[in-house]
Amino acid sequence: MNQQSSSDGLLEAIAAGDYPGVRNLLAQGADPNMPLDERRRTALEVAAEHGRTDIVNLLIDTGASLDGDRYVWPAVENGFWETAQVLLKRGATVRTPNLDSDFALLAALGINPFLSFLST
C-alpha cells in the first residue's frame, strides 16, 4: 500500500466512523502519525475532531503519538467531551500551545462539562 492511498483511505475511514476499516488499514501498515491532509492533521486529530472515541482508542493502542495538545483541541472545539476525556486520560495534554498558538484549556473556558472534568 503506498503512502498516499493509505493516508486517503485512513482519512476517509475515520471521517465515516468506519472502525473496521481503520483497523484494517492500520494492520496493513498505515502510519497513524503521518499527516493525512494539506493541514498536516494526523489520524488522531481527525478522529478527535469527529468525536470518534473508539477510533481514538484504537489509534493510541497502535502507536499514535499524543505529543502536544493538538488532539484535545478539536474534540473540545466540536463539543465531544467523552473524546476529550479519553484523550486526557490516555496522556494528551492541554498545557502546551497547539499549532495555532492557542491553548485548548483557554478555548474550553465557559464550557462546563469539560471544565468540571478537569477539576476532578
PDB file of N, CA and C in Angstrom:
ATOM      1  N   MET A   1       0.859  -1.181   0.000  1.00  0.00           N
ATOM      2  CA  MET A   1       0.000   0.000   0.000  1.00  0.00           C
ATOM      3  C   MET A   1       0.896   1.232   0.000  1.00  0.00           C
ATOM      4  N   ASN A   2       0.692   2.141  -0.969  1.00  0.00           N
ATOM      5  CA  ASN A   2       1.527   3.335  -0.983  1.00  0.00           C
ATOM      6  C   ASN A   2       1.015   4.341   0.042  1.00  0.00           C
ATOM      7  N   GLN A   3       1.885   5.275   0.384  1.00  0.00           N
ATOM      8  CA  GLN A   3       1.576   6.225   1.459  1.00  0.00           C
ATOM      9  C   GLN A   3       0.372   7.103   1.132  1.00  0.00           C
ATOM     10  N   GLN A   4       0.232   7.559  -0.109  1.00  0.00           N
ATOM     11  CA  GLN A   4      -0.887   8.428  -0.482  1.00  0.00           C
ATOM     12  C   GLN A   4      -2.219   7.713  -0.363  1.00  0.00           C
ATOM     13  N   SER A   5      -2.311   6.500  -0.905  1.00  0.00           N
ATOM     14  CA  SER A   5      -3.584   5.778  -0.814  1.00  0.00           C
ATOM     15  C   SER A   5      -3.876   5.396   0.625  1.00  0.00           C
ATOM     16  N   SER A   6      -2.837   5.114   1.391  1.00  0.00           N
ATOM     17  CA  SER A   6      -3.003   4.797   2.805  1.00  0.00           C
ATOM     18  C   SER A   6      -3.550   5.988   3.572  1.00  0.00           C
ATOM     19  N   SER A   7      -2.994   7.183   3.322  1.00  0.00           N
ATOM     20  CA  SER A   7      -3.462   8.367   4.038  1.00  0.00           C
ATOM     21  C   SER A   7      -4.865   8.759   3.595  1.00  0.00           C
ATOM     22  N   ASP A   8      -5.168   8.657   2.297  1.00  0.00           N
ATOM     23  CA  ASP A   8      -6.513   8.962   1.810  1.00  0.00           C
ATOM     24  C   ASP A   8      -7.534   8.010   2.412  1.00  0.00           C
ATOM     25  N   GLY A   9      -7.209   6.740   2.412  1.00  0.00           N
ATOM     26  CA  GLY A   9      -8.119   5.739   2.954  1.00  0.00           C
ATOM     27  C   GLY A   9      -8.342   5.914   4.444  1.00  0.00           C
ATOM     28  N   LEU A  10      -7.288   6.219   5.161  1.00  0.00           N
ATOM     29  CA  LEU A  10      -7.394   6.422   6.605  1.00  0.00           C
ATOM     30  C   LEU A  10      -8.244   7.649   6.915  1.00  0.00           C
ATOM     31  N   LEU A  11      -8.021   8.729   6.210  1.00  0.00           N
ATOM     32  CA  LEU A  11      -8.803   9.953   6.409  1.00  0.00           C
ATOM     33  C   LEU A  11     -10.289   9.681   6.160  1.00  0.00           C
ATOM     34  N   GLU A  12     -10.601   9.005   5.075  1.00  0.00           N
ATOM     35  CA  GLU A  12     -11.997   8.705   4.731  1.00  0.00           C
ATOM     36  C   GLU A  12     -12.634   7.769   5.751  1.00  0.00           C
ATOM     37  N   ALA A  13     -11.906   6.741   6.164  1.00  0.00           N
ATOM     38  CA  ALA A  13     -12.452   5.773   7.114  1.00  0.00           C
ATOM     39  C   ALA A  13     -12.727   6.419   8.470  1.00  0.00           C
ATOM     40  N   ILE A  14     -11.827   7.279   8.922  1.00  0.00           N
ATOM     41  CA  ILE A  14     -12.030   7.952  10.210  1.00  0.00           C
ATOM     42  C   ILE A  14     -13.226   8.887  10.131  1.00  0.00           C
ATOM     43  N   ALA A  15     -13.293   9.699   9.089  1.00  0.00           N
ATOM     44  CA  ALA A  15     -14.400  10.649   8.939  1.00  0.00           C
ATOM     45  C   ALA A  15     -15.742   9.931   8.876  1.00  0.00           C
ATOM     46  N   ALA A  16     -15.767   8.732   8.311  1.00  0.00           N
ATOM     47  CA  ALA A  16     -17.004   7.957   8.206  1.00  0.00           C
ATOM     48  C   ALA A  16     -17.300   7.160   9.473  1.00  0.00           C
ATOM     49  N   GLY A  17     -16.359   7.135  10.407  1.00  0.00           N
ATOM     50  CA  GLY A  17     -16.549   6.344  11.614  1.00  0.00           C
ATOM     51  C   GLY A  17     -16.432   4.849  11.363  1.00  0.00           C
ATOM     52  N   ASP A  18     -15.666   4.482  10.353  1.00  0.00           N
ATOM     53  CA  ASP A  18     -15.510   3.083   9.940  1.00  0.00           C
ATOM     54  C   ASP A  18     -14.391   2.421  10.751  1.00  0.00           C
ATOM     55  N   TYR A  19     -14.733   1.984  11.960  1.00  0.00           N
ATOM     56  CA  TYR A  19     -13.744   1.362  12.855  1.00  0.00           C
ATOM     57  C   TYR A  19     -13.063   0.160  12.204  1.00  0.00           C
ATOM     58  N   PRO A  20     -13.820  -0.806  11.633  1.00  0.00           N
ATOM     59  CA  PRO A  20     -13.142  -1.941  10.985  1.00  0.00           C
ATOM     60  C   PRO A  20     -12.213  -1.508   9.843  1.00  0.00           C
ATOM     61  N   GLY A  21     -12.639  -0.504   9.092  1.00  0.00           N
ATOM     62  CA  GLY A  21     -11.791  -0.011   8.008  1.00  0.00           C
ATOM     63  C   GLY A  21     -10.496   0.601   8.522  1.00  0.00           C
ATOM     64  N   VAL A  22     -10.582   1.388   9.585  1.00  0.00           N
ATOM     65  CA  VAL A  22      -9.382   1.977  10.188  1.00  0.00           C
ATOM     66  C   VAL A  22      -8.477   0.866  10.712  1.00  0.00           C
ATOM     67  N   ARG A  23      -9.072  -0.094  11.417  1.00  0.00           N
ATOM     68  CA  ARG A  23      -8.293  -1.211  11.970  1.00  0.00           C
ATOM     69  C   ARG A  23      -7.571  -1.962  10.854  1.00  0.00           C
ATOM     70  N   ASN A  24      -8.278  -2.224   9.740  1.00  0.00           N
ATOM     71  CA  ASN A  24      -7.663  -2.941   8.610  1.00  0.00           C
ATOM     72  C   ASN A  24      -6.529  -2.143   7.988  1.00  0.00           C
ATOM     73  N   LEU A  25      -6.727  -0.848   7.802  1.00  0.00           N
ATOM     74  CA  LEU A  25      -5.660  -0.015   7.225  1.00  0.00           C
ATOM     75  C   LEU A  25      -4.432   0.012   8.128  1.00  0.00           C
ATOM     76  N   LEU A  26      -4.641   0.097   9.429  1.00  0.00           N
ATOM     77  CA  LEU A  26      -3.514   0.072  10.361  1.00  0.00           C
ATOM     78  C   LEU A  26      -2.801  -1.278  10.310  1.00  0.00           C
ATOM     79  N   ALA A  27      -3.569  -2.360  10.216  1.00  0.00           N
ATOM     80  CA  ALA A  27      -2.989  -3.704  10.117  1.00  0.00           C
ATOM     81  C   ALA A  27      -2.187  -3.878   8.832  1.00  0.00           C
ATOM     82  N   GLN A  28      -2.571  -3.157   7.775  1.00  0.00           N
ATOM     83  CA  GLN A  28      -1.858  -3.211   6.502  1.00  0.00           C
ATOM     84  C   GLN A  28      -0.646  -2.289   6.473  1.00  0.00           C
ATOM     85  N   GLY A  29      -0.402  -1.582   7.582  1.00  0.00           N
ATOM     86  CA  GLY A  29       0.803  -0.765   7.673  1.00  0.00           C
ATOM     87  C   GLY A  29       0.614   0.729   7.613  1.00  0.00           C
ATOM     88  N   ALA A  30      -0.634   1.212   7.597  1.00  0.00           N
ATOM     89  CA  ALA A  30      -0.838   2.666   7.611  1.00  0.00           C
ATOM     90  C   ALA A  30      -0.228   3.243   8.887  1.00  0.00           C
ATOM     91  N   ASP A  31       0.465   4.350   8.756  1.00  0.00           N
ATOM     92  CA  ASP A  31       1.125   5.003   9.884  1.00  0.00           C
ATOM     93  C   ASP A  31       0.149   5.966  10.558  1.00  0.00           C
ATOM     94  N   PRO A  32      -0.213   5.732  11.832  1.00  0.00           N
ATOM     95  CA  PRO A  32      -1.173   6.608  12.491  1.00  0.00           C
ATOM     96  C   PRO A  32      -0.649   8.024  12.750  1.00  0.00           C
ATOM     97  N   ASN A  33       0.647   8.230  12.541  1.00  0.00           N
ATOM     98  CA  ASN A  33       1.242   9.540  12.805  1.00  0.00           C
ATOM     99  C   ASN A  33       1.552  10.349  11.556  1.00  0.00           C
ATOM    100  N   MET A  34       1.278   9.793  10.372  1.00  0.00           N
ATOM    101  CA  MET A  34       1.590  10.547   9.153  1.00  0.00           C
ATOM    102  C   MET A  34       0.529  11.614   8.918  1.00  0.00           C
ATOM    103  N   PRO A  35       0.934  12.740   8.356  1.00  0.00           N
ATOM    104  CA  PRO A  35      -0.047  13.770   8.005  1.00  0.00           C
ATOM    105  C   PRO A  35      -1.018  13.239   6.948  1.00  0.00           C
ATOM    106  N   LEU A  36      -2.307  13.523   7.131  1.00  0.00           N
ATOM    107  CA  LEU A  36      -3.324  12.982   6.230  1.00  0.00           C
ATOM    108  C   LEU A  36      -3.839  13.973   5.203  1.00  0.00           C
ATOM    109  N   ASP A  37      -3.597  15.261   5.422  1.00  0.00           N
ATOM    110  CA  ASP A  37      -4.157  16.256   4.512  1.00  0.00           C
ATOM    111  C   ASP A  37      -3.251  17.479   4.446  1.00  0.00           C
ATOM    112  N   GLU A  38      -3.693  18.474   3.679  1.00  0.00           N
ATOM    113  CA  GLU A  38      -2.877  19.678   3.487  1.00  0.00           C
ATOM    114  C   GLU A  38      -2.671  20.456   4.783  1.00  0.00           C
ATOM    115  N   ARG A  39      -3.531  20.251   5.776  1.00  0.00           N
ATOM    116  CA  ARG A  39      -3.366  20.898   7.085  1.00  0.00           C
ATOM    117  C   ARG A  39      -2.422  20.103   7.986  1.00  0.00           C
ATOM    118  N   ARG A  40      -1.929  18.990   7.493  1.00  0.00           N
ATOM    119  CA  ARG A  40      -0.983  18.123   8.182  1.00  0.00           C
ATOM    120  C   ARG A  40      -1.576  17.509   9.454  1.00  0.00           C
ATOM    121  N   ARG A  41      -2.905  17.303   9.446  1.00  0.00           N
ATOM    122  CA  ARG A  41      -3.554  16.650  10.578  1.00  0.00           C
ATOM    123  C   ARG A  41      -3.230  15.160  10.566  1.00  0.00           C
ATOM    124  N   THR A  42      -3.046  14.614  11.756  1.00  0.00           N
ATOM    125  CA  THR A  42      -2.825  13.181  11.878  1.00  0.00           C
ATOM    126  C   THR A  42      -4.168  12.474  12.061  1.00  0.00           C
ATOM    127  N   ALA A  43      -4.124  11.150  12.015  1.00  0.00           N
ATOM    128  CA  ALA A  43      -5.334  10.349  12.200  1.00  0.00           C
ATOM    129  C   ALA A  43      -5.985  10.654  13.549  1.00  0.00           C
ATOM    130  N   LEU A  44      -5.172  10.843  14.583  1.00  0.00           N
ATOM    131  CA  LEU A  44      -5.712  11.120  15.906  1.00  0.00           C
ATOM    132  C   LEU A  44      -6.428  12.470  15.944  1.00  0.00           C
ATOM    133  N   GLU A  45      -5.893  13.459  15.271  1.00  0.00           N
ATOM    134  CA  GLU A  45      -6.556  14.759  15.208  1.00  0.00           C
ATOM    135  C   GLU A  45      -7.908  14.657  14.502  1.00  0.00           C
ATOM    136  N   VAL A  46      -7.948  13.921  13.402  1.00  0.00           N
ATOM    137  CA  VAL A  46      -9.190  13.776  12.653  1.00  0.00           C
ATOM    138  C   VAL A  46     -10.215  13.008  13.481  1.00  0.00           C
ATOM    139  N   ALA A  47      -9.784  11.943  14.131  1.00  0.00           N
ATOM    140  CA  ALA A  47     -10.698  11.160  14.973  1.00  0.00           C
ATOM    141  C   ALA A  47     -11.237  12.014  16.115  1.00  0.00           C
ATOM    142  N   ALA A  48     -10.400  12.830  16.733  1.00  0.00           N
ATOM    143  CA  ALA A  48     -10.840  13.710  17.820  1.00  0.00           C
ATOM    144  C   ALA A  48     -11.826  14.750  17.299  1.00  0.00           C
ATOM    145  N   GLU A  49     -11.527  15.317  16.145  1.00  0.00           N
ATOM    146  CA  GLU A  49     -12.393  16.336  15.540  1.00  0.00           C
ATOM    147  C   GLU A  49     -13.791  15.792  15.243  1.00  0.00           C
ATOM    148  N   HIS A  50     -13.873  14.513  14.898  1.00  0.00           N
ATOM    149  CA  HIS A  50     -15.149  13.886  14.566  1.00  0.00           C
ATOM    150  C   HIS A  50     -15.781  13.174  15.760  1.00  0.00           C
ATOM    151  N   GLY A  51     -15.125  13.231  16.925  1.00  0.00           N
ATOM    152  CA  GLY A  51     -15.681  12.595  18.119  1.00  0.00           C
ATOM    153  C   GLY A  51     -15.711  11.082  18.043  1.00  0.00           C
ATOM    154  N   ARG A  52     -14.786  10.497  17.334  1.00  0.00           N
ATOM    155  CA  ARG A  52     -14.723   9.039  17.170  1.00  0.00           C
ATOM    156  C   ARG A  52     -13.878   8.432  18.291  1.00  0.00           C
ATOM    157  N   THR A  53     -14.466   8.351  19.477  1.00  0.00           N
ATOM    158  CA  THR A  53     -13.746   7.899  20.664  1.00  0.00           C
ATOM    159  C   THR A  53     -13.197   6.491  20.487  1.00  0.00           C
ATOM    160  N   ASP A  54     -13.961   5.600  19.875  1.00  0.00           N
ATOM    161  CA  ASP A  54     -13.480   4.235  19.667  1.00  0.00           C
ATOM    162  C   ASP A  54     -12.237   4.221  18.773  1.00  0.00           C
ATOM    163  N   ILE A  55     -12.236   5.064  17.751  1.00  0.00           N
ATOM    164  CA  ILE A  55     -11.086   5.131  16.849  1.00  0.00           C
ATOM    165  C   ILE A  55      -9.911   5.818  17.540  1.00  0.00           C
ATOM    166  N   VAL A  56     -10.170   6.813  18.382  1.00  0.00           N
ATOM    167  CA  VAL A  56      -9.107   7.439  19.170  1.00  0.00           C
ATOM    168  C   VAL A  56      -8.380   6.370  19.988  1.00  0.00           C
ATOM    169  N   ASN A  57      -9.141   5.529  20.683  1.00  0.00           N
ATOM    170  CA  ASN A  57      -8.522   4.467  21.477  1.00  0.00           C
ATOM    171  C   ASN A  57      -7.724   3.502  20.612  1.00  0.00           C
ATOM    172  N   LEU A  58      -8.268   3.107  19.465  1.00  0.00           N
ATOM    173  CA  LEU A  58      -7.573   2.214  18.544  1.00  0.00           C
ATOM    174  C   LEU A  58      -6.256   2.832  18.086  1.00  0.00           C
ATOM    175  N   LEU A  59      -6.303   4.102  17.695  1.00  0.00           N
ATOM    176  CA  LEU A  59      -5.096   4.768  17.207  1.00  0.00           C
ATOM    177  C   LEU A  59      -4.025   4.849  18.292  1.00  0.00           C
ATOM    178  N   ILE A  60      -4.425   5.188  19.501  1.00  0.00           N
ATOM    179  CA  ILE A  60      -3.450   5.248  20.599  1.00  0.00           C
ATOM    180  C   ILE A  60      -2.871   3.860  20.862  1.00  0.00           C
ATOM    181  N   ASP A  61      -3.728   2.846  20.849  1.00  0.00           N
ATOM    182  CA  ASP A  61      -3.276   1.472  21.073  1.00  0.00           C
ATOM    183  C   ASP A  61      -2.299   1.001  20.003  1.00  0.00           C
ATOM    184  N   THR A  62      -2.378   1.581  18.804  1.00  0.00           N
ATOM    185  CA  THR A  62      -1.497   1.158  17.706  1.00  0.00           C
ATOM    186  C   THR A  62      -0.354   2.136  17.451  1.00  0.00           C
ATOM    187  N   GLY A  63      -0.085   3.025  18.413  1.00  0.00           N
ATOM    188  CA  GLY A  63       1.116   3.842  18.335  1.00  0.00           C
ATOM    189  C   GLY A  63       0.949   5.297  17.966  1.00  0.00           C
ATOM    190  N   ALA A  64      -0.269   5.801  17.918  1.00  0.00           N
ATOM    191  CA  ALA A  64      -0.437   7.226  17.615  1.00  0.00           C
ATOM    192  C   ALA A  64       0.182   8.068  18.725  1.00  0.00           C
ATOM    193  N   SER A  65       0.909   9.088  18.339  1.00  0.00           N
ATOM    194  CA  SER A  65       1.582   9.980  19.281  1.00  0.00           C
ATOM    195  C   SER A  65       0.587  10.928  19.931  1.00  0.00           C
ATOM    196  N   LEU A  66       0.781  11.170  21.221  1.00  0.00           N
ATOM    197  CA  LEU A  66      -0.048  12.117  21.969  1.00  0.00           C
ATOM    198  C   LEU A  66       0.722  13.387  22.315  1.00  0.00           C
ATOM    199  N   ASP A  67       1.849  13.624  21.664  1.00  0.00           N
ATOM    200  CA  ASP A  67       2.647  14.813  21.955  1.00  0.00           C
ATOM    201  C   ASP A  67       1.882  16.081  21.629  1.00  0.00           C
ATOM    202  N   GLY A  68       1.900  17.040  22.532  1.00  0.00           N
ATOM    203  CA  GLY A  68       1.247  18.331  22.330  1.00  0.00           C
ATOM    204  C   GLY A  68      -0.229  18.281  22.671  1.00  0.00           C
ATOM    205  N   ASP A  69      -0.905  19.404  22.521  1.00  0.00           N
ATOM    206  CA  ASP A  69      -2.334  19.460  22.843  1.00  0.00           C
ATOM    207  C   ASP A  69      -3.203  19.543  21.605  1.00  0.00           C
ATOM    208  N   ARG A  70      -2.643  19.296  20.464  1.00  0.00           N
ATOM    209  CA  ARG A  70      -3.420  19.432  19.238  1.00  0.00           C
ATOM    210  C   ARG A  70      -4.464  18.334  19.072  1.00  0.00           C
ATOM    211  N   TYR A  71      -4.525  17.393  19.999  1.00  0.00           N
ATOM    212  CA  TYR A  71      -5.519  16.322  19.920  1.00  0.00           C
ATOM    213  C   TYR A  71      -6.747  16.645  20.755  1.00  0.00           C
ATOM    214  N   VAL A  72      -6.552  17.291  21.880  1.00  0.00           N
ATOM    215  CA  VAL A  72      -7.678  17.652  22.745  1.00  0.00           C
ATOM    216  C   VAL A  72      -8.476  18.792  22.110  1.00  0.00           C
ATOM    217  N   TRP A  73      -7.793  19.744  21.532  1.00  0.00           N
ATOM    218  CA  TRP A  73      -8.428  20.934  20.976  1.00  0.00           C
ATOM    219  C   TRP A  73      -9.573  20.616  20.008  1.00  0.00           C
ATOM    220  N   PRO A  74      -9.392  19.763  18.985  1.00  0.00           N
ATOM    221  CA  PRO A  74     -10.502  19.505  18.057  1.00  0.00           C
ATOM    222  C   PRO A  74     -11.719  18.886  18.745  1.00  0.00           C
ATOM    223  N   ALA A  75     -11.493  18.038  19.723  1.00  0.00           N
ATOM    224  CA  ALA A  75     -12.620  17.431  20.442  1.00  0.00           C
ATOM    225  C   ALA A  75     -13.371  18.485  21.242  1.00  0.00           C
ATOM    226  N   VAL A  76     -12.635  19.353  21.927  1.00  0.00           N
ATOM    227  CA  VAL A  76     -13.254  20.412  22.733  1.00  0.00           C
ATOM    228  C   VAL A  76     -14.022  21.368  21.832  1.00  0.00           C
ATOM    229  N   GLU A  77     -13.398  21.795  20.768  1.00  0.00           N
ATOM    230  CA  GLU A  77     -13.995  22.766  19.860  1.00  0.00           C
ATOM    231  C   GLU A  77     -15.323  22.276  19.279  1.00  0.00           C
ATOM    232  N   ASN A  78     -15.443  20.961  19.092  1.00  0.00           N
ATOM    233  CA  ASN A  78     -16.645  20.393  18.490  1.00  0.00           C
ATOM    234  C   ASN A  78     -17.599  19.768  19.506  1.00  0.00           C
ATOM    235  N   GLY A  79     -17.305  19.951  20.792  1.00  0.00           N
ATOM    236  CA  GLY A  79     -18.222  19.503  21.836  1.00  0.00           C
ATOM    237  C   GLY A  79     -18.192  18.016  22.136  1.00  0.00           C
ATOM    238  N   PHE A  80     -17.125  17.337  21.779  1.00  0.00           N
ATOM    239  CA  PHE A  80     -17.017  15.896  22.039  1.00  0.00           C
ATOM    240  C   PHE A  80     -16.295  15.667  23.371  1.00  0.00           C
ATOM    241  N   TRP A  81     -17.065  15.806  24.458  1.00  0.00           N
ATOM    242  CA  TRP A  81     -16.486  15.757  25.814  1.00  0.00           C
ATOM    243  C   TRP A  81     -15.909  14.393  26.129  1.00  0.00           C
ATOM    244  N   GLU A  82     -16.614  13.317  25.746  1.00  0.00           N
ATOM    245  CA  GLU A  82     -16.106  11.974  26.031  1.00  0.00           C
ATOM    246  C   GLU A  82     -14.763  11.754  25.339  1.00  0.00           C
ATOM    247  N   THR A  83     -14.669  12.200  24.102  1.00  0.00           N
ATOM    248  CA  THR A  83     -13.415  12.043  23.361  1.00  0.00           C
ATOM    249  C   THR A  83     -12.303  12.840  24.021  1.00  0.00           C
ATOM    250  N   ALA A  84     -12.590  14.074  24.439  1.00  0.00           N
ATOM    251  CA  ALA A  84     -11.583  14.885  25.134  1.00  0.00           C
ATOM    252  C   ALA A  84     -11.153  14.217  26.435  1.00  0.00           C
ATOM    253  N   GLN A  85     -12.104  13.662  27.161  1.00  0.00           N
ATOM    254  CA  GLN A  85     -11.782  12.992  28.418  1.00  0.00           C
ATOM    255  C   GLN A  85     -10.895  11.776  28.180  1.00  0.00           C
ATOM    256  N   VAL A  86     -11.213  10.986  27.166  1.00  0.00           N
ATOM    257  CA  VAL A  86     -10.393   9.817  26.844  1.00  0.00           C
ATOM    258  C   VAL A  86      -8.981  10.256  26.475  1.00  0.00           C
ATOM    259  N   LEU A  87      -8.873  11.281  25.660  1.00  0.00           N
ATOM    260  CA  LEU A  87      -7.544  11.778  25.270  1.00  0.00           C
ATOM    261  C   LEU A  87      -6.744  12.202  26.495  1.00  0.00           C
ATOM    262  N   LEU A  88      -7.370  12.916  27.404  1.00  0.00           N
ATOM    263  CA  LEU A  88      -6.670  13.349  28.622  1.00  0.00           C
ATOM    264  C   LEU A  88      -6.290  12.163  29.497  1.00  0.00           C
ATOM    265  N   LYS A  89      -7.188  11.223  29.649  1.00  0.00           N
ATOM    266  CA  LYS A  89      -6.894  10.036  30.462  1.00  0.00           C
ATOM    267  C   LYS A  89      -5.788   9.188  29.853  1.00  0.00           C
ATOM    268  N   ARG A  90      -5.677   9.204  28.537  1.00  0.00           N
ATOM    269  CA  ARG A  90      -4.666   8.399  27.846  1.00  0.00           C
ATOM    270  C   ARG A  90      -3.321   9.116  27.735  1.00  0.00           C
ATOM    271  N   GLY A  91      -3.255  10.392  28.209  1.00  0.00           N
ATOM    272  CA  GLY A  91      -1.967  11.067  28.250  1.00  0.00           C
ATOM    273  C   GLY A  91      -1.832  12.339  27.445  1.00  0.00           C
ATOM    274  N   ALA A  92      -2.868  12.743  26.732  1.00  0.00           N
ATOM    275  CA  ALA A  92      -2.793  14.013  25.999  1.00  0.00           C
ATOM    276  C   ALA A  92      -2.737  15.155  27.010  1.00  0.00           C
ATOM    277  N   THR A  93      -2.188  16.262  26.595  1.00  0.00           N
ATOM    278  CA  THR A  93      -2.032  17.399  27.487  1.00  0.00           C
ATOM    279  C   THR A  93      -2.741  18.629  26.950  1.00  0.00           C
ATOM    280  N   VAL A  94      -3.045  19.560  27.834  1.00  0.00           N
ATOM    281  CA  VAL A  94      -3.607  20.846  27.429  1.00  0.00           C
ATOM    282  C   VAL A  94      -2.699  21.971  27.886  1.00  0.00           C
ATOM    283  N   ARG A  95      -1.489  21.650  28.210  1.00  0.00           N
ATOM    284  CA  ARG A  95      -0.577  22.641  28.773  1.00  0.00           C
ATOM    285  C   ARG A  95       0.415  23.224  27.772  1.00  0.00           C
ATOM    286  N   THR A  96       0.464  22.703  26.575  1.00  0.00           N
ATOM    287  CA  THR A  96       1.377  23.233  25.568  1.00  0.00           C
ATOM    288  C   THR A  96       0.576  23.864  24.446  1.00  0.00           C
ATOM    289  N   PRO A  97       1.097  24.912  23.811  1.00  0.00           N
ATOM    290  CA  PRO A  97       0.337  25.574  22.752  1.00  0.00           C
ATOM    291  C   PRO A  97       0.116  24.644  21.564  1.00  0.00           C
ATOM    292  N   ASN A  98      -1.069  24.763  20.953  1.00  0.00           N
ATOM    293  CA  ASN A  98      -1.325  23.962  19.757  1.00  0.00           C
ATOM    294  C   ASN A  98      -0.766  24.682  18.534  1.00  0.00           C
ATOM    295  N   LEU A  99      -1.046  24.133  17.369  1.00  0.00           N
ATOM    296  CA  LEU A  99      -0.460  24.676  16.142  1.00  0.00           C
ATOM    297  C   LEU A  99      -0.882  26.112  15.851  1.00  0.00           C
ATOM    298  N   ASP A 100      -2.023  26.542  16.371  1.00  0.00           N
ATOM    299  CA  ASP A 100      -2.498  27.900  16.136  1.00  0.00           C
ATOM    300  C   ASP A 100      -2.103  28.846  17.260  1.00  0.00           C
ATOM    301  N   SER A 101      -1.219  28.424  18.160  1.00  0.00           N
ATOM    302  CA  SER A 101      -0.749  29.216  19.301  1.00  0.00           C
ATOM    303  C   SER A 101      -1.865  29.576  20.271  1.00  0.00           C
ATOM    304  N   ASP A 102      -2.913  28.789  20.301  1.00  0.00           N
ATOM    305  CA  ASP A 102      -3.964  28.925  21.297  1.00  0.00           C
ATOM    306  C   ASP A 102      -3.746  27.845  22.342  1.00  0.00           C
ATOM    307  N   PHE A 103      -4.507  27.881  23.400  1.00  0.00           N
ATOM    308  CA  PHE A 103      -4.453  26.837  24.396  1.00  0.00           C
ATOM    309  C   PHE A 103      -5.807  26.152  24.462  1.00  0.00           C
ATOM    310  N   ALA A 104      -5.797  24.829  24.414  1.00  0.00           N
ATOM    311  CA  ALA A 104      -7.054  24.081  24.460  1.00  0.00           C
ATOM    312  C   ALA A 104      -7.820  24.394  25.741  1.00  0.00           C
ATOM    313  N   LEU A 105      -7.098  24.559  26.827  1.00  0.00           N
ATOM    314  CA  LEU A 105      -7.780  24.856  28.086  1.00  0.00           C
ATOM    315  C   LEU A 105      -8.485  26.204  28.024  1.00  0.00           C
ATOM    316  N   LEU A 106      -7.838  27.218  27.458  1.00  0.00           N
ATOM    317  CA  LEU A 106      -8.468  28.528  27.342  1.00  0.00           C
ATOM    318  C   LEU A 106      -9.675  28.472  26.422  1.00  0.00           C
ATOM    319  N   ALA A 107      -9.613  27.656  25.392  1.00  0.00           N
ATOM    320  CA  ALA A 107     -10.725  27.525  24.467  1.00  0.00           C
ATOM    321  C   ALA A 107     -11.947  26.929  25.152  1.00  0.00           C
ATOM    322  N   ALA A 108     -11.711  26.162  26.196  1.00  0.00           N
ATOM    323  CA  ALA A 108     -12.805  25.497  26.892  1.00  0.00           C
ATOM    324  C   ALA A 108     -13.433  26.354  27.985  1.00  0.00           C
ATOM    325  N   LEU A 109     -12.919  27.539  28.224  1.00  0.00           N
ATOM    326  CA  LEU A 109     -13.492  28.379  29.272  1.00  0.00           C
ATOM    327  C   LEU A 109     -14.971  28.595  29.024  1.00  0.00           C
ATOM    328  N   GLY A 110     -15.736  28.413  30.052  1.00  0.00           N
ATOM    329  CA  GLY A 110     -17.166  28.593  29.931  1.00  0.00           C
ATOM    330  C   GLY A 110     -17.909  27.358  29.468  1.00  0.00           C
ATOM    331  N   ILE A 111     -17.194  26.313  29.158  1.00  0.00           N
ATOM    332  CA  ILE A 111     -17.816  25.064  28.728  1.00  0.00           C
ATOM    333  C   ILE A 111     -17.774  24.128  29.924  1.00  0.00           C
ATOM    334  N   ASN A 112     -18.855  24.117  30.698  1.00  0.00           N
ATOM    335  CA  ASN A 112     -18.887  23.431  31.976  1.00  0.00           C
ATOM    336  C   ASN A 112     -18.548  21.946  31.962  1.00  0.00           C
ATOM    337  N   PRO A 113     -19.034  21.129  31.022  1.00  0.00           N
ATOM    338  CA  PRO A 113     -18.703  19.698  31.087  1.00  0.00           C
ATOM    339  C   PRO A 113     -17.202  19.428  31.039  1.00  0.00           C
ATOM    340  N   PHE A 114     -16.498  20.168  30.220  1.00  0.00           N
ATOM    341  CA  PHE A 114     -15.054  19.972  30.089  1.00  0.00           C
ATOM    342  C   PHE A 114     -14.333  20.474  31.322  1.00  0.00           C
ATOM    343  N   LEU A 115     -14.691  21.662  31.790  1.00  0.00           N
ATOM    344  CA  LEU A 115     -14.021  22.227  32.958  1.00  0.00           C
ATOM    345  C   LEU A 115     -14.279  21.406  34.201  1.00  0.00           C
ATOM    346  N   SER A 116     -15.474  20.872  34.360  1.00  0.00           N
ATOM    347  CA  SER A 116     -15.741  20.050  35.534  1.00  0.00           C
ATOM    348  C   SER A 116     -14.909  18.790  35.505  1.00  0.00           C
ATOM    349  N   PHE A 117     -14.649  18.232  34.305  1.00  0.00           N
ATOM    350  CA  PHE A 117     -13.797  17.057  34.211  1.00  0.00           C
ATOM    351  C   PHE A 117     -12.359  17.393  34.626  1.00  0.00           C
ATOM    352  N   LEU A 118     -11.870  18.559  34.186  1.00  0.00           N
ATOM    353  CA  LEU A 118     -10.504  18.938  34.527  1.00  0.00           C
ATOM    354  C   LEU A 118     -10.320  19.159  36.018  1.00  0.00           C
ATOM    355  N   SER A 119     -11.351  19.567  36.716  1.00  0.00           N
ATOM    356  CA  SER A 119     -11.200  19.862  38.132  1.00  0.00           C
ATOM    357  C   SER A 119     -11.300  18.621  39.012  1.00  0.00           C
ATOM    358  N   THR A 120     -11.601  17.458  38.422  1.00  0.00           N
ATOM    359  CA  THR A 120     -11.711  16.238  39.233  1.00  0.00           C
ATOM    360  C   THR A 120     -10.393  15.516  39.348  1.00  0.00           C
TER     361      THR A 120
END
